[in-house]
Amino acid sequence: MLGVPAIQVAQASVLGQMTTGFPVSPLTPATFLLCSLAGVDLADHQKFSILVLWAASVVMTFACVIFGVFPL
């Protein structure tokens, strides 16, 4: 895929899936369930969470580069 090895594409997709993908996606039924059980509007959840989860993704990406999981 565009000259990037498949293993690195898979690693990056798993990294994003667990941070900015699943917890804020309106396509995930568990997100609706948890928002309704907590009494939180989905839009409010996304507004609060997206920046925190994006920052977590950046930190994890830097950690992967430092530890050699994502070679430069």
PDB file of N, CA and C in Angstrom:
ATOM      1  N   MET A   1       0.855  -1.173   0.000  1.00  0.00           N
ATOM      2  CA  MET A   1       0.000   0.000   0.000  1.00  0.00           C
ATOM      3  C   MET A   1       0.898   1.233   0.000  1.00  0.00           C
ATOM      4  N   LEU A   2       1.043   1.863  -1.138  1.00  0.00           N
ATOM      5  CA  LEU A   2       1.837   3.078  -1.300  1.00  0.00           C
ATOM      6  C   LEU A   2       3.266   2.911  -0.810  1.00  0.00           C
ATOM      7  N   GLY A   3       3.805   1.726  -0.928  1.00  0.00           N
ATOM      8  CA  GLY A   3       5.178   1.478  -0.528  1.00  0.00           C
ATOM      9  C   GLY A   3       5.378   1.237   0.959  1.00  0.00           C
ATOM     10  N   VAL A   4       4.299   1.174   1.716  1.00  0.00           N
ATOM     11  CA  VAL A   4       4.388   0.927   3.157  1.00  0.00           C
ATOM     12  C   VAL A   4       4.110  -0.555   3.400  1.00  0.00           C
ATOM     13  N   PRO A   5       4.974  -1.225   4.157  1.00  0.00           N
ATOM     14  CA  PRO A   5       4.741  -2.647   4.434  1.00  0.00           C
ATOM     15  C   PRO A   5       3.396  -2.874   5.146  1.00  0.00           C
ATOM     16  N   ALA A   6       2.767  -3.991   4.831  1.00  0.00           N
ATOM     17  CA  ALA A   6       1.447  -4.309   5.374  1.00  0.00           C
ATOM     18  C   ALA A   6       1.449  -4.385   6.899  1.00  0.00           C
ATOM     19  N   ILE A   7       2.536  -4.854   7.494  1.00  0.00           N
ATOM     20  CA  ILE A   7       2.581  -4.967   8.955  1.00  0.00           C
ATOM     21  C   ILE A   7       2.510  -3.588   9.610  1.00  0.00           C
ATOM     22  N   GLN A   8       3.139  -2.585   9.000  1.00  0.00           N
ATOM     23  CA  GLN A   8       3.089  -1.241   9.573  1.00  0.00           C
ATOM     24  C   GLN A   8       1.711  -0.616   9.413  1.00  0.00           C
ATOM     25  N   VAL A   9       1.035  -0.898   8.322  1.00  0.00           N
ATOM     26  CA  VAL A   9      -0.334  -0.415   8.144  1.00  0.00           C
ATOM     27  C   VAL A   9      -1.240  -1.037   9.202  1.00  0.00           C
ATOM     28  N   ALA A  10      -1.064  -2.336   9.456  1.00  0.00           N
ATOM     29  CA  ALA A  10      -1.867  -3.019  10.468  1.00  0.00           C
ATOM     30  C   ALA A  10      -1.590  -2.465  11.862  1.00  0.00           C
ATOM     31  N   GLN A  11      -0.328  -2.219  12.185  1.00  0.00           N
ATOM     32  CA  GLN A  11       0.021  -1.675  13.498  1.00  0.00           C
ATOM     33  C   GLN A  11      -0.586  -0.289  13.692  1.00  0.00           C
ATOM     34  N   ALA A  12      -0.507   0.551  12.681  1.00  0.00           N
ATOM     35  CA  ALA A  12      -1.056   1.904  12.784  1.00  0.00           C
ATOM     36  C   ALA A  12      -2.577   1.876  12.898  1.00  0.00           C
ATOM     37  N   SER A  13      -3.226   0.965  12.187  1.00  0.00           N
ATOM     38  CA  SER A  13      -4.686   0.907  12.265  1.00  0.00           C
ATOM     39  C   SER A  13      -5.156   0.414  13.621  1.00  0.00           C
ATOM     40  N   VAL A  14      -4.446  -0.523  14.210  1.00  0.00           N
ATOM     41  CA  VAL A  14      -4.799  -0.997  15.554  1.00  0.00           C
ATOM     42  C   VAL A  14      -4.567   0.113  16.571  1.00  0.00           C
ATOM     43  N   LEU A  15      -3.501   0.876  16.407  1.00  0.00           N
ATOM     44  CA  LEU A  15      -3.213   1.977  17.318  1.00  0.00           C
ATOM     45  C   LEU A  15      -4.340   3.008  17.289  1.00  0.00           C
ATOM     46  N   GLY A  16      -4.808   3.380  16.103  1.00  0.00           N
ATOM     47  CA  GLY A  16      -5.885   4.355  15.974  1.00  0.00           C
ATOM     48  C   GLY A  16      -7.245   3.806  16.356  1.00  0.00           C
ATOM     49  N   GLN A  17      -7.439   2.520  16.130  1.00  0.00           N
ATOM     50  CA  GLN A  17      -8.732   1.888  16.429  1.00  0.00           C
ATOM     51  C   GLN A  17      -9.075   1.976  17.908  1.00  0.00           C
ATOM     52  N   MET A  18      -8.083   1.767  18.749  1.00  0.00           N
ATOM     53  CA  MET A  18      -8.347   1.716  20.177  1.00  0.00           C
ATOM     54  C   MET A  18      -8.327   3.081  20.854  1.00  0.00           C
ATOM     55  N   THR A  19      -7.971   4.116  20.122  1.00  0.00           N
ATOM     56  CA  THR A  19      -7.952   5.439  20.737  1.00  0.00           C
ATOM     57  C   THR A  19      -9.035   6.323  20.140  1.00  0.00           C
ATOM     58  N   THR A  20      -8.839   6.789  18.928  1.00  0.00           N
ATOM     59  CA  THR A  20      -9.821   7.710  18.352  1.00  0.00           C
ATOM     60  C   THR A  20     -10.879   6.993  17.523  1.00  0.00           C
ATOM     61  N   GLY A  21     -10.787   5.704  17.365  1.00  0.00           N
ATOM     62  CA  GLY A  21     -11.771   4.981  16.567  1.00  0.00           C
ATOM     63  C   GLY A  21     -12.976   4.529  17.360  1.00  0.00           C
ATOM     64  N   PHE A  22     -12.810   3.503  18.135  1.00  0.00           N
ATOM     65  CA  PHE A  22     -13.921   2.858  18.835  1.00  0.00           C
ATOM     66  C   PHE A  22     -14.619   3.737  19.878  1.00  0.00           C
ATOM     67  N   PRO A  23     -13.891   4.427  20.763  1.00  0.00           N
ATOM     68  CA  PRO A  23     -14.576   5.106  21.868  1.00  0.00           C
ATOM     69  C   PRO A  23     -15.454   6.290  21.477  1.00  0.00           C
ATOM     70  N   VAL A  24     -15.255   6.892  20.317  1.00  0.00           N
ATOM     71  CA  VAL A  24     -16.043   8.066  19.950  1.00  0.00           C
ATOM     72  C   VAL A  24     -16.879   7.850  18.693  1.00  0.00           C
ATOM     73  N   SER A  25     -16.843   6.665  18.136  1.00  0.00           N
ATOM     74  CA  SER A  25     -17.555   6.404  16.894  1.00  0.00           C
ATOM     75  C   SER A  25     -19.064   6.290  17.117  1.00  0.00           C
ATOM     76  N   PRO A  26     -19.856   7.029  16.335  1.00  0.00           N
ATOM     77  CA  PRO A  26     -21.309   6.869  16.446  1.00  0.00           C
ATOM     78  C   PRO A  26     -21.805   5.586  15.777  1.00  0.00           C
ATOM     79  N   LEU A  27     -20.917   4.851  15.127  1.00  0.00           N
ATOM     80  CA  LEU A  27     -21.295   3.606  14.472  1.00  0.00           C
ATOM     81  C   LEU A  27     -21.127   2.391  15.380  1.00  0.00           C
ATOM     82  N   THR A  28     -20.656   2.621  16.587  1.00  0.00           N
ATOM     83  CA  THR A  28     -20.440   1.532  17.530  1.00  0.00           C
ATOM     84  C   THR A  28     -21.589   1.494  18.537  1.00  0.00           C
ATOM     85  N   PRO A  29     -22.348   0.409  18.557  1.00  0.00           N
ATOM     86  CA  PRO A  29     -23.485   0.334  19.482  1.00  0.00           C
ATOM     87  C   PRO A  29     -23.093   0.505  20.952  1.00  0.00           C
ATOM     88  N   ALA A  30     -21.911   0.044  21.324  1.00  0.00           N
ATOM     89  CA  ALA A  30     -21.482   0.162  22.717  1.00  0.00           C
ATOM     90  C   ALA A  30     -21.333   1.626  23.121  1.00  0.00           C
ATOM     91  N   THR A  31     -20.966   2.485  22.180  1.00  0.00           N
ATOM     92  CA  THR A  31     -20.838   3.913  22.486  1.00  0.00           C
ATOM     93  C   THR A  31     -22.193   4.490  22.853  1.00  0.00           C
ATOM     94  N   PHE A  32     -23.229   4.156  22.086  1.00  0.00           N
ATOM     95  CA  PHE A  32     -24.579   4.624  22.395  1.00  0.00           C
ATOM     96  C   PHE A  32     -25.058   4.075  23.744  1.00  0.00           C
ATOM     97  N   LEU A  33     -24.789   2.811  23.983  1.00  0.00           N
ATOM     98  CA  LEU A  33     -25.206   2.191  25.238  1.00  0.00           C
ATOM     99  C   LEU A  33     -24.544   2.863  26.435  1.00  0.00           C
ATOM    100  N   LEU A  34     -23.233   3.058  26.355  1.00  0.00           N
ATOM    101  CA  LEU A  34     -22.527   3.662  27.478  1.00  0.00           C
ATOM    102  C   LEU A  34     -22.926   5.118  27.692  1.00  0.00           C
ATOM    103  N   CYS A  35     -23.145   5.846  26.601  1.00  0.00           N
ATOM    104  CA  CYS A  35     -23.592   7.240  26.744  1.00  0.00           C
ATOM    105  C   CYS A  35     -24.971   7.302  27.394  1.00  0.00           C
ATOM    106  N   SER A  36     -25.861   6.420  26.981  1.00  0.00           N
ATOM    107  CA  SER A  36     -27.208   6.452  27.561  1.00  0.00           C
ATOM    108  C   SER A  36     -27.201   6.003  29.021  1.00  0.00           C
ATOM    109  N   LEU A  37     -26.390   5.003  29.353  1.00  0.00           N
ATOM    110  CA  LEU A  37     -26.313   4.551  30.745  1.00  0.00           C
ATOM    111  C   LEU A  37     -25.694   5.616  31.645  1.00  0.00           C
ATOM    112  N   ALA A  38     -24.761   6.386  31.101  1.00  0.00           N
ATOM    113  CA  ALA A  38     -24.109   7.437  31.888  1.00  0.00           C
ATOM    114  C   ALA A  38     -24.905   8.733  31.884  1.00  0.00           C
ATOM    115  N   GLY A  39     -25.918   8.819  31.020  1.00  0.00           N
ATOM    116  CA  GLY A  39     -26.721  10.030  30.929  1.00  0.00           C
ATOM    117  C   GLY A  39     -25.987  11.181  30.257  1.00  0.00           C
ATOM    118  N   VAL A  40     -25.103  10.838  29.324  1.00  0.00           N
ATOM    119  CA  VAL A  40     -24.297  11.841  28.627  1.00  0.00           C
ATOM    120  C   VAL A  40     -24.720  11.869  27.166  1.00  0.00           C
ATOM    121  N   ASP A  41     -24.853  13.057  26.610  1.00  0.00           N
ATOM    122  CA  ASP A  41     -25.161  13.192  25.191  1.00  0.00           C
ATOM    123  C   ASP A  41     -23.942  12.781  24.370  1.00  0.00           C
ATOM    124  N   LEU A  42     -24.158  12.097  23.257  1.00  0.00           N
ATOM    125  CA  LEU A  42     -23.047  11.623  22.423  1.00  0.00           C
ATOM    126  C   LEU A  42     -22.184  12.787  21.942  1.00  0.00           C
ATOM    127  N   ALA A  43     -22.793  13.889  21.579  1.00  0.00           N
ATOM    128  CA  ALA A  43     -22.020  15.040  21.099  1.00  0.00           C
ATOM    129  C   ALA A  43     -21.125  15.589  22.210  1.00  0.00           C
ATOM    130  N   ASP A  44     -21.637  15.643  23.428  1.00  0.00           N
ATOM    131  CA  ASP A  44     -20.824  16.108  24.552  1.00  0.00           C
ATOM    132  C   ASP A  44     -19.663  15.157  24.819  1.00  0.00           C
ATOM    133  N   HIS A  45     -19.940  13.870  24.712  1.00  0.00           N
ATOM    134  CA  HIS A  45     -18.889  12.858  24.895  1.00  0.00           C
ATOM    135  C   HIS A  45     -17.798  13.040  23.855  1.00  0.00           C
ATOM    136  N   GLN A  46     -18.192  13.238  22.600  1.00  0.00           N
ATOM    137  CA  GLN A  46     -17.208  13.408  21.541  1.00  0.00           C
ATOM    138  C   GLN A  46     -16.410  14.695  21.707  1.00  0.00           C
ATOM    139  N   LYS A  47     -17.083  15.780  22.081  1.00  0.00           N
ATOM    140  CA  LYS A  47     -16.373  17.053  22.279  1.00  0.00           C
ATOM    141  C   LYS A  47     -15.322  16.931  23.369  1.00  0.00           C
ATOM    142  N   PHE A  48     -15.648  16.238  24.439  1.00  0.00           N
ATOM    143  CA  PHE A  48     -14.704  16.084  25.539  1.00  0.00           C
ATOM    144  C   PHE A  48     -13.590  15.097  25.192  1.00  0.00           C
ATOM    145  N   SER A  49     -13.954  13.992  24.572  1.00  0.00           N
ATOM    146  CA  SER A  49     -13.023  12.879  24.415  1.00  0.00           C
ATOM    147  C   SER A  49     -12.068  13.010  23.243  1.00  0.00           C
ATOM    148  N   ILE A  50     -12.477  13.651  22.169  1.00  0.00           N
ATOM    149  CA  ILE A  50     -11.691  13.584  20.940  1.00  0.00           C
ATOM    150  C   ILE A  50     -10.293  14.175  21.116  1.00  0.00           C
ATOM    151  N   LEU A  51     -10.153  15.283  21.823  1.00  0.00           N
ATOM    152  CA  LEU A  51      -8.828  15.872  22.016  1.00  0.00           C
ATOM    153  C   LEU A  51      -7.949  15.019  22.922  1.00  0.00           C
ATOM    154  N   VAL A  52      -8.535  14.469  23.958  1.00  0.00           N
ATOM    155  CA  VAL A  52      -7.776  13.602  24.869  1.00  0.00           C
ATOM    156  C   VAL A  52      -7.318  12.344  24.133  1.00  0.00           C
ATOM    157  N   LEU A  53      -8.213  11.745  23.357  1.00  0.00           N
ATOM    158  CA  LEU A  53      -7.863  10.531  22.629  1.00  0.00           C
ATOM    159  C   LEU A  53      -6.868  10.806  21.510  1.00  0.00           C
ATOM    160  N   TRP A  54      -6.976  11.972  20.860  1.00  0.00           N
ATOM    161  CA  TRP A  54      -6.013  12.335  19.828  1.00  0.00           C
ATOM    162  C   TRP A  54      -4.629  12.508  20.444  1.00  0.00           C
ATOM    163  N   ALA A  55      -4.572  13.157  21.602  1.00  0.00           N
ATOM    164  CA  ALA A  55      -3.285  13.333  22.287  1.00  0.00           C
ATOM    165  C   ALA A  55      -2.706  11.972  22.692  1.00  0.00           C
ATOM    166  N   ALA A  56      -3.546  11.064  23.131  1.00  0.00           N
ATOM    167  CA  ALA A  56      -3.080   9.722  23.479  1.00  0.00           C
ATOM    168  C   ALA A  56      -2.524   9.011  22.246  1.00  0.00           C
ATOM    169  N   SER A  57      -3.155   9.199  21.097  1.00  0.00           N
ATOM    170  CA  SER A  57      -2.662   8.603  19.862  1.00  0.00           C
ATOM    171  C   SER A  57      -1.289   9.151  19.491  1.00  0.00           C
ATOM    172  N   VAL A  58      -1.111  10.454  19.658  1.00  0.00           N
ATOM    173  CA  VAL A  58       0.181  11.073  19.349  1.00  0.00           C
ATOM    174  C   VAL A  58       1.265  10.541  20.286  1.00  0.00           C
ATOM    175  N   VAL A  59       0.961  10.462  21.573  1.00  0.00           N
ATOM    176  CA  VAL A  59       1.932   9.949  22.546  1.00  0.00           C
ATOM    177  C   VAL A  59       2.297   8.504  22.225  1.00  0.00           C
ATOM    178  N   MET A  60       1.303   7.668  21.915  1.00  0.00           N
ATOM    179  CA  MET A  60       1.575   6.273  21.594  1.00  0.00           C
ATOM    180  C   MET A  60       2.369   6.140  20.295  1.00  0.00           C
ATOM    181  N   THR A  61       2.107   7.019  19.324  1.00  0.00           N
ATOM    182  CA  THR A  61       2.873   6.981  18.081  1.00  0.00           C
ATOM    183  C   THR A  61       4.330   7.324  18.342  1.00  0.00           C
ATOM    184  N   PHE A  62       4.583   8.369  19.134  1.00  0.00           N
ATOM    185  CA  PHE A  62       5.960   8.716  19.481  1.00  0.00           C
ATOM    186  C   PHE A  62       6.641   7.575  20.239  1.00  0.00           C
ATOM    187  N   ALA A  63       5.913   6.933  21.142  1.00  0.00           N
ATOM    188  CA  ALA A  63       6.475   5.809  21.881  1.00  0.00           C
ATOM    189  C   ALA A  63       6.825   4.665  20.935  1.00  0.00           C
ATOM    190  N   CYS A  64       5.974   4.404  19.960  1.00  0.00           N
ATOM    191  CA  CYS A  64       6.251   3.338  18.987  1.00  0.00           C
ATOM    192  C   CYS A  64       7.480   3.656  18.156  1.00  0.00           C
ATOM    193  N   VAL A  65       7.660   4.921  17.810  1.00  0.00           N
ATOM    194  CA  VAL A  65       8.847   5.318  17.055  1.00  0.00           C
ATOM    195  C   VAL A  65      10.096   5.167  17.939  1.00  0.00           C
ATOM    196  N   ILE A  66      10.011   5.608  19.190  1.00  0.00           N
ATOM    197  CA  ILE A  66      11.157   5.522  20.102  1.00  0.00           C
ATOM    198  C   ILE A  66      11.570   4.065  20.344  1.00  0.00           C
ATOM    199  N   PHE A  67      10.580   3.177  20.520  1.00  0.00           N
ATOM    200  CA  PHE A  67      10.885   1.774  20.793  1.00  0.00           C
ATOM    201  C   PHE A  67      11.139   0.950  19.533  1.00  0.00           C
ATOM    202  N   GLY A  68      11.036   1.575  18.374  1.00  0.00           N
ATOM    203  CA  GLY A  68      11.363   0.888  17.134  1.00  0.00           C
ATOM    204  C   GLY A  68      10.248   0.073  16.522  1.00  0.00           C
ATOM    205  N   VAL A  69       9.042   0.207  17.052  1.00  0.00           N
ATOM    206  CA  VAL A  69       7.900  -0.521  16.470  1.00  0.00           C
ATOM    207  C   VAL A  69       7.561   0.069  15.099  1.00  0.00           C
ATOM    208  N   PHE A  70       7.613   1.392  14.997  1.00  0.00           N
ATOM    209  CA  PHE A  70       7.423   2.092  13.725  1.00  0.00           C
ATOM    210  C   PHE A  70       8.771   2.645  13.292  1.00  0.00           C
ATOM    211  N   PRO A  71       9.459   1.968  12.404  1.00  0.00           N
ATOM    212  CA  PRO A  71      10.757   2.485  11.968  1.00  0.00           C
ATOM    213  C   PRO A  71      10.581   3.717  11.084  1.00  0.00           C
ATOM    214  N   LEU A  72      11.532   4.611  11.172  1.00  0.00           N
ATOM    215  CA  LEU A  72      11.480   5.827  10.327  1.00  0.00           C
ATOM    216  C   LEU A  72      12.097   5.577   8.976  1.00  0.00           C
TER     217      LEU A  72
END
